[in-house]
């Protein structure tokens, strides 16, 4: 069980009004397991923001580590998105260190994520990543995370954004869950939800299903985050939801004589 204070946060945010996921614009985003569609997190739009995860001491260690490792950061730039795949981006990144690994694999973290998502999870790898958006214009185009990153945990470590700016904000598309990513990239403002994660806050997101992007950072802004990918542990026999209007759905309809 998560702590009483975190439980209060979870319940308070579940009570908050949020538009339900619409199924009126279905495309072919692929199959989504029913446990994911029916999970508490997906019913909240596929994402939520929390405070207190990681704890104060652990957060300060992550802040110290991410600054120390910036000298190892490499450019991760791609000018044009690959059709249906890797997004255009401009950022610096490096593998996390021992403090991030401790949080990534920690039993408290895994227990918390299971409570929030309603599903068991396991780390995708040994280390996560630190992402640095420190140059004007650094960004990531709309995308869904790749295989093995069903659930992503993003902790903001630094962000010097102006309150009036949307630079560095996460742009989410919870109401375009079943739409092709190329279509979302073509109309990025359509039903977009812009969210800023403040330093010390952590977003838990079904990143493999809910499309998302990072808006370009502004001059003088420095946004640095910890990014951790988790795989959902779902039995192979679990059924999936096929978007309506696809070939598979048509084949399931009874044949007329």
Protein backbone atom coordinates (compact mmCIF):
# COMPACT_ATOMS: atom_id res chain seq x y z
CA UNK A 1 0.00 0.00 0.00
CA UNK A 2 1.08 3.55 -0.63
CA UNK A 3 1.33 6.00 2.25
CA UNK A 4 -1.72 7.76 3.64
CA UNK A 5 -0.56 11.12 2.27
CA UNK A 6 -0.10 9.70 -1.21
CA UNK A 7 -3.45 7.93 -0.98
CA UNK A 8 -5.03 11.30 -0.23
CA UNK A 9 -3.41 12.75 -3.35
CA UNK A 10 -4.62 9.86 -5.48
CA UNK A 11 -8.20 10.07 -4.23
CA UNK A 12 -8.34 13.87 -4.50
CA UNK A 13 -7.15 13.79 -8.08
CA UNK A 14 -9.59 11.02 -9.00
CA UNK A 15 -12.40 13.21 -7.72
CA UNK A 16 -11.26 16.07 -9.93
CA UNK A 17 -13.29 16.48 -13.12
CA UNK A 18 -11.53 15.32 -16.25
CA UNK A 19 -13.15 14.67 -19.60
CA UNK A 20 -13.61 10.94 -20.22
CA UNK A 21 -11.76 9.33 -23.10
CA UNK A 22 -13.70 9.74 -26.32
CA UNK A 23 -14.05 6.84 -28.73
CA UNK A 24 -15.51 9.01 -31.50
CA UNK A 25 -12.25 9.39 -33.44
CA UNK A 26 -10.94 5.87 -33.71
CA UNK A 27 -7.98 5.00 -35.89
CA UNK A 28 -5.56 2.09 -35.82
CA UNK A 29 -3.14 2.78 -32.99
CA UNK A 30 -2.85 -0.94 -32.38
CA UNK A 31 -4.20 -3.30 -29.78
CA UNK A 32 -4.61 -2.14 -26.19
CA UNK A 33 -5.01 -4.78 -23.46
CA UNK A 34 -8.30 -4.54 -21.60
CA UNK A 35 -6.54 -4.29 -18.20
CA UNK A 36 -4.93 -1.08 -19.48
CA UNK A 37 -8.19 0.37 -20.78
CA UNK A 38 -9.94 -0.53 -17.53
CA UNK A 39 -7.14 0.64 -15.21
CA UNK A 40 -7.60 3.52 -12.74
CA UNK A 41 -4.86 5.51 -14.48
CA UNK A 42 -6.39 5.19 -17.95
CA UNK A 43 -9.77 6.23 -16.59
CA UNK A 44 -8.05 9.44 -15.48
CA UNK A 45 -6.85 10.06 -19.03
CA UNK A 46 -3.79 7.84 -18.90
CA UNK A 47 -1.66 10.14 -16.72
CA UNK A 48 -1.39 11.74 -13.29
CA UNK A 49 1.02 14.01 -11.43
CA UNK A 50 2.20 13.32 -7.88
CA UNK A 51 4.34 14.97 -5.23
CA UNK A 52 6.43 13.12 -2.68
CA UNK A 53 7.60 10.50 -5.18
CA UNK A 54 10.58 10.38 -4.93
CA UNK A 55 10.96 11.53 -1.32
CA UNK A 56 12.82 14.73 -0.42
CA UNK A 57 16.20 13.10 0.28
CA UNK A 58 16.04 10.91 -2.81
CA UNK A 59 14.97 13.87 -4.96
CA UNK A 60 17.95 15.94 -3.78
CA UNK A 61 20.30 13.06 -4.62
CA UNK A 62 18.80 12.88 -8.13
CA UNK A 63 19.32 16.63 -8.55
CA UNK A 64 22.96 16.33 -7.56
CA UNK A 65 23.52 13.29 -9.79
CA UNK A 66 21.92 14.79 -12.89
CA UNK A 67 24.18 17.85 -12.73
CA UNK A 68 27.26 15.71 -12.21
CA UNK A 69 26.41 13.52 -15.23
CA UNK A 70 25.70 16.37 -17.65
CA UNK A 71 29.32 16.19 -18.82
CA UNK A 72 28.50 12.73 -20.24
CA UNK A 73 25.33 13.87 -22.02
CA UNK A 74 25.21 13.40 -25.79
CA UNK A 75 23.09 15.12 -28.39
CA UNK A 76 19.97 13.19 -29.35
CA UNK A 77 18.76 15.16 -32.34
CA UNK A 78 16.54 14.08 -35.22
CA UNK A 79 15.33 16.72 -37.67
CA UNK A 80 12.32 14.86 -39.11
CA UNK A 81 10.05 12.29 -37.49
CA UNK A 82 10.04 8.81 -38.97
CA UNK A 83 6.60 7.91 -40.32
CA UNK A 84 4.72 6.15 -37.55
CA UNK A 85 7.87 5.82 -35.46
CA UNK A 86 10.76 7.72 -33.87
CA UNK A 87 9.87 11.38 -33.29
CA UNK A 88 11.81 14.44 -34.32
CA UNK A 89 13.64 15.77 -31.29
CA UNK A 90 16.37 18.02 -30.00
CA UNK A 91 17.74 17.21 -26.56
CA UNK A 92 20.75 16.01 -24.61
CA UNK A 93 20.62 12.71 -22.78
CA UNK A 94 22.68 10.36 -20.66
CA UNK A 95 22.12 7.13 -18.78
CA UNK A 96 21.17 7.54 -15.14
CA UNK A 97 23.48 6.85 -12.22
CA UNK A 98 23.25 4.82 -9.03
CA UNK A 99 20.75 7.12 -7.31
CA UNK A 100 18.33 7.03 -10.23
CA UNK A 101 18.77 3.26 -10.43
CA UNK A 102 17.89 2.91 -6.74
CA UNK A 103 14.64 4.80 -7.32
CA UNK A 104 13.95 2.99 -10.61
CA UNK A 105 14.19 -0.50 -9.12
CA UNK A 106 13.08 0.33 -5.59
CA UNK A 107 10.35 -1.80 -4.05
CA UNK A 108 8.51 1.30 -2.84
CA UNK A 109 8.49 2.70 -6.37
CA UNK A 110 7.22 -0.55 -7.90
CA UNK A 111 4.55 -0.87 -5.22
CA UNK A 112 3.45 2.74 -5.80
CA UNK A 113 3.22 2.26 -9.58
CA UNK A 114 1.15 -0.88 -9.17
CA UNK A 115 -1.22 0.99 -6.86
CA UNK A 116 -1.56 3.92 -9.27
CA UNK A 117 -1.85 1.96 -12.51
CA UNK A 118 -3.67 -1.05 -11.13
CA UNK A 119 -1.19 -3.32 -12.90
CA UNK A 120 2.12 -4.99 -11.96
CA UNK A 121 5.15 -3.46 -13.64
CA UNK A 122 8.83 -4.24 -14.07
CA UNK A 123 11.76 -2.02 -15.10
CA UNK A 124 12.61 -2.26 -18.79
CA UNK A 125 16.36 -2.04 -18.22
CA UNK A 126 19.12 -1.57 -15.69
CA UNK A 127 19.15 2.23 -15.96
CA UNK A 128 16.80 5.01 -16.96
CA UNK A 129 17.80 8.27 -18.62
CA UNK A 130 18.38 11.89 -17.74
CA UNK A 131 17.07 14.28 -20.39
CA UNK A 132 18.37 17.83 -20.71
CA UNK A 133 16.40 20.52 -22.53
CA UNK A 134 18.88 23.35 -22.12
CA UNK A 135 19.20 24.87 -25.59
CA UNK A 136 16.54 27.24 -26.96
CA UNK A 137 14.18 25.19 -29.08
CA UNK A 138 14.95 21.80 -27.54
CA UNK A 139 11.82 19.65 -27.88
CA UNK A 140 10.32 16.26 -28.76
CA UNK A 141 7.61 15.82 -31.41
CA UNK A 142 4.40 13.85 -30.70
CA UNK A 143 5.04 10.16 -30.21
CA UNK A 144 4.13 7.03 -28.32
CA UNK A 145 6.95 5.34 -26.45
CA UNK A 146 8.44 2.23 -27.99
CA UNK A 147 8.21 -1.42 -27.05
CA UNK A 148 8.99 -2.06 -23.41
CA UNK A 149 7.94 1.42 -22.32
CA UNK A 150 4.25 0.91 -21.59
CA UNK A 151 4.46 3.14 -18.52
CA UNK A 152 6.85 6.08 -18.20
CA UNK A 153 7.71 7.91 -14.98
CA UNK A 154 8.95 11.46 -15.52
CA UNK A 155 10.36 13.42 -12.58
CA UNK A 156 11.14 17.10 -13.11
CA UNK A 157 14.47 17.97 -11.47
CA UNK A 158 14.93 21.52 -12.77
CA UNK A 159 12.74 23.93 -14.73
CA UNK A 160 13.28 27.69 -14.87
CA UNK A 161 10.27 28.42 -17.09
CA UNK A 162 8.36 31.68 -16.99
CA UNK A 163 4.83 31.25 -15.57
CA UNK A 164 3.41 32.82 -18.74
CA UNK A 165 5.30 30.51 -21.10
CA UNK A 166 4.40 27.06 -22.36
CA UNK A 167 8.06 26.30 -23.12
CA UNK A 168 9.03 22.79 -22.06
CA UNK A 169 5.48 21.79 -21.18
CA UNK A 170 4.32 18.26 -21.84
CA UNK A 171 1.61 18.12 -24.48
CA UNK A 172 -0.66 15.10 -24.06
CA UNK A 173 -3.33 13.60 -26.30
CA UNK A 174 -5.50 11.41 -24.05
CA UNK A 175 -8.58 11.92 -26.23
CA UNK A 176 -6.78 10.68 -29.37
CA UNK A 177 -5.91 7.31 -27.90
CA UNK A 178 -6.85 5.26 -30.98
CA UNK A 179 -5.52 7.65 -33.63
CA UNK A 180 -2.45 7.08 -35.78
CA UNK A 181 0.58 9.06 -34.59
CA UNK A 182 1.08 10.58 -38.06
CA UNK A 183 -2.39 12.10 -37.82
CA UNK A 184 -1.61 13.59 -34.42
CA UNK A 185 1.64 15.05 -35.73
CA UNK A 186 -0.26 16.66 -38.61
CA UNK A 187 -2.68 18.42 -36.19
CA UNK A 188 -0.73 18.84 -32.92
CA UNK A 189 -3.06 21.48 -31.43
CA UNK A 190 -6.19 19.36 -31.83
CA UNK A 191 -7.50 18.29 -28.40
CA UNK A 192 -4.06 18.79 -26.86
CA UNK A 193 -3.68 18.92 -23.08
CA UNK A 194 -0.69 21.01 -21.97
CA UNK A 195 0.76 20.17 -18.57
CA UNK A 196 3.77 21.53 -16.72
CA UNK A 197 5.53 19.28 -14.23
CA UNK A 198 7.12 21.45 -11.58
CA UNK A 199 10.45 20.55 -9.93
CA UNK A 200 9.78 17.86 -7.35
CA UNK A 201 6.72 16.54 -9.15
CA UNK A 202 6.47 13.21 -10.96
CA UNK A 203 4.16 12.26 -13.82
CA UNK A 204 3.08 8.66 -14.27
CA UNK A 205 1.95 8.21 -17.89
CA UNK A 206 0.85 5.34 -20.09
CA UNK A 207 3.44 6.55 -22.57
CA UNK A 208 3.13 3.53 -24.81
CA UNK A 209 -0.54 4.32 -25.43
CA UNK A 210 -1.13 8.05 -24.82
CA UNK A 211 0.68 10.17 -27.41
CA UNK A 212 2.76 13.00 -25.95
CA UNK A 213 5.38 15.59 -26.82
CA UNK A 214 7.61 18.21 -25.20
CA UNK A 215 7.06 21.77 -26.40
CA UNK A 216 10.20 23.78 -27.36
CA UNK A 217 11.98 25.37 -24.42
CA UNK A 218 12.51 29.12 -24.43
CA UNK A 219 15.60 31.29 -24.33
CA UNK A 220 17.18 31.06 -20.88
CA UNK A 221 15.05 28.09 -19.83
CA UNK A 222 16.61 24.93 -18.45
CA UNK A 223 14.43 21.86 -18.10
CA UNK A 224 16.00 18.63 -16.82
CA UNK A 225 14.07 15.45 -16.08
CA UNK A 226 14.53 11.85 -15.03
CA UNK A 227 12.78 9.43 -17.40
CA UNK A 228 12.10 5.80 -16.45
CA UNK A 229 10.41 3.14 -18.59
CA UNK A 230 8.43 0.20 -17.24
CA UNK A 231 6.89 -2.83 -18.87
CA UNK A 232 3.41 -3.90 -17.82
CA UNK A 233 3.17 -7.50 -16.67
CA UNK A 234 0.04 -8.74 -18.46
CA UNK A 235 -0.74 -12.44 -19.06
CA UNK A 236 -0.57 -13.43 -22.73
CA UNK A 237 -4.15 -14.72 -22.77
CA UNK A 238 -5.62 -11.33 -21.80
CA UNK A 239 -7.92 -9.95 -24.51
CA UNK A 240 -7.33 -6.66 -26.30
CA UNK A 241 -9.44 -3.82 -27.64
CA UNK A 242 -9.27 -3.42 -31.40
CA UNK A 243 -10.16 0.10 -32.59
CA UNK A 244 -13.54 0.20 -34.33
CA UNK A 245 -13.72 0.36 -38.09
CA UNK A 246 -10.62 -1.71 -38.72
CA UNK A 247 -10.38 -4.83 -40.83
CA UNK A 248 -10.18 -7.01 -37.72
CA UNK A 249 -13.44 -5.61 -36.36
CA UNK A 250 -15.21 -6.11 -39.68
CA UNK A 251 -14.10 -9.75 -39.80
CA UNK A 252 -15.64 -10.36 -36.37
CA UNK A 253 -19.12 -9.29 -37.52
CA UNK A 254 -21.61 -12.10 -38.28
CA UNK A 255 -21.77 -13.02 -41.93
CA UNK A 256 -25.07 -12.32 -43.69
CA UNK A 257 -26.56 -15.13 -45.79
